[in-house]
């Protein structure tokens, strides 16, 4: 596709986005901006294999890292 056609396509998309009417979910926006969203169990479970109780206690991070590497 040539540059002229590509630019025209982008202009068309930009115009549609600018002038279209979207419903705004203000409660979801407020929750996102406030940072009060709590991760659910599914999101946490996929990372559980990397989590260790010793990590949460703030033990010797350098020594723990060396043990895992060995």
C-alpha atoms as a PDB file:
ATOM      1  CA  UNK A   1       0.000   0.000   0.000  1.00  0.00           C
ATOM      2  CA  UNK A   2       1.403   3.392  -0.939  1.00  0.00           C
ATOM      3  CA  UNK A   3       2.072   6.174   1.527  1.00  0.00           C
ATOM      4  CA  UNK A   4      -0.910   8.212   0.315  1.00  0.00           C
ATOM      5  CA  UNK A   5      -3.368   5.369   0.824  1.00  0.00           C
ATOM      6  CA  UNK A   6      -1.824   4.519   4.184  1.00  0.00           C
ATOM      7  CA  UNK A   7      -2.103   8.120   5.381  1.00  0.00           C
ATOM      8  CA  UNK A   8      -5.705   8.319   4.193  1.00  0.00           C
ATOM      9  CA  UNK A   9      -6.542   5.137   6.091  1.00  0.00           C
ATOM     10  CA  UNK A  10      -4.951   6.482   9.295  1.00  0.00           C
ATOM     11  CA  UNK A  11      -6.795   9.778   8.865  1.00  0.00           C
ATOM     12  CA  UNK A  12     -10.089   7.906   8.473  1.00  0.00           C
ATOM     13  CA  UNK A  13      -9.466   5.868  11.623  1.00  0.00           C
ATOM     14  CA  UNK A  14      -8.427   8.975  13.586  1.00  0.00           C
ATOM     15  CA  UNK A  15     -11.568  10.806  12.486  1.00  0.00           C
ATOM     16  CA  UNK A  16     -13.775   7.875  13.520  1.00  0.00           C
ATOM     17  CA  UNK A  17     -12.148   7.786  16.951  1.00  0.00           C
ATOM     18  CA  UNK A  18     -12.403  11.539  17.401  1.00  0.00           C
ATOM     19  CA  UNK A  19     -16.056  11.928  16.484  1.00  0.00           C
ATOM     20  CA  UNK A  20     -17.563   8.661  17.692  1.00  0.00           C
ATOM     21  CA  UNK A  21     -19.476   8.585  20.964  1.00  0.00           C
ATOM     22  CA  UNK A  22     -18.250   6.123  23.584  1.00  0.00           C
ATOM     23  CA  UNK A  23     -19.936   5.172  26.820  1.00  0.00           C
ATOM     24  CA  UNK A  24     -17.613   5.882  29.730  1.00  0.00           C
ATOM     25  CA  UNK A  25     -17.659   3.607  32.754  1.00  0.00           C
ATOM     26  CA  UNK A  26     -16.730   6.143  35.429  1.00  0.00           C
ATOM     27  CA  UNK A  27     -16.740   3.670  38.313  1.00  0.00           C
ATOM     28  CA  UNK A  28     -14.208   1.440  36.502  1.00  0.00           C
ATOM     29  CA  UNK A  29     -12.102   4.492  35.642  1.00  0.00           C
ATOM     30  CA  UNK A  30     -12.147   5.658  39.258  1.00  0.00           C
ATOM     31  CA  UNK A  31     -11.136   2.198  40.470  1.00  0.00           C
ATOM     32  CA  UNK A  32      -8.281   2.062  37.956  1.00  0.00           C
ATOM     33  CA  UNK A  33      -6.957   5.514  38.811  1.00  0.00           C
ATOM     34  CA  UNK A  34      -7.184   5.042  42.562  1.00  0.00           C
ATOM     35  CA  UNK A  35      -5.200   1.825  42.445  1.00  0.00           C
ATOM     36  CA  UNK A  36      -7.618   0.057  44.768  1.00  0.00           C
ATOM     37  CA  UNK A  37      -8.007  -2.942  42.489  1.00  0.00           C
ATOM     38  CA  UNK A  38      -7.016  -6.153  44.250  1.00  0.00           C
ATOM     39  CA  UNK A  39      -5.568  -8.972  42.114  1.00  0.00           C
ATOM     40  CA  UNK A  40      -7.722 -12.073  42.023  1.00  0.00           C
ATOM     41  CA  UNK A  41      -6.511 -15.595  42.827  1.00  0.00           C
ATOM     42  CA  UNK A  42      -6.083 -16.551  39.162  1.00  0.00           C
ATOM     43  CA  UNK A  43      -3.651 -13.705  38.585  1.00  0.00           C
ATOM     44  CA  UNK A  44      -1.648 -14.620  41.671  1.00  0.00           C
ATOM     45  CA  UNK A  45      -1.633 -18.376  41.131  1.00  0.00           C
ATOM     46  CA  UNK A  46       0.359 -18.206  37.915  1.00  0.00           C
ATOM     47  CA  UNK A  47       3.224 -16.534  39.831  1.00  0.00           C
ATOM     48  CA  UNK A  48       3.024 -18.656  42.979  1.00  0.00           C
ATOM     49  CA  UNK A  49       5.881 -20.932  41.898  1.00  0.00           C
ATOM     50  CA  UNK A  50       8.246 -17.937  42.050  1.00  0.00           C
ATOM     51  CA  UNK A  51       7.083 -16.780  45.486  1.00  0.00           C
ATOM     52  CA  UNK A  52       8.850 -17.948  48.614  1.00  0.00           C
ATOM     53  CA  UNK A  53       7.848 -17.122  52.197  1.00  0.00           C
ATOM     54  CA  UNK A  54      11.447 -16.134  52.933  1.00  0.00           C
ATOM     55  CA  UNK A  55      11.171 -13.456  50.238  1.00  0.00           C
ATOM     56  CA  UNK A  56       8.283 -11.827  52.073  1.00  0.00           C
ATOM     57  CA  UNK A  57      10.244 -11.678  55.332  1.00  0.00           C
ATOM     58  CA  UNK A  58      13.114  -9.703  53.776  1.00  0.00           C
ATOM     59  CA  UNK A  59      15.820 -12.217  54.674  1.00  0.00           C
ATOM     60  CA  UNK A  60      19.282 -12.238  53.148  1.00  0.00           C
ATOM     61  CA  UNK A  61      18.436 -11.597  49.523  1.00  0.00           C
ATOM     62  CA  UNK A  62      21.978 -12.038  48.218  1.00  0.00           C
ATOM     63  CA  UNK A  63      22.469 -15.375  49.965  1.00  0.00           C
ATOM     64  CA  UNK A  64      19.074 -16.619  48.837  1.00  0.00           C
ATOM     65  CA  UNK A  65      19.904 -15.690  45.273  1.00  0.00           C
ATOM     66  CA  UNK A  66      23.202 -17.577  45.403  1.00  0.00           C
ATOM     67  CA  UNK A  67      21.446 -20.695  46.762  1.00  0.00           C
ATOM     68  CA  UNK A  68      18.907 -20.676  43.966  1.00  0.00           C
ATOM     69  CA  UNK A  69      21.577 -20.220  41.301  1.00  0.00           C
ATOM     70  CA  UNK A  70      23.600 -23.205  42.484  1.00  0.00           C
END
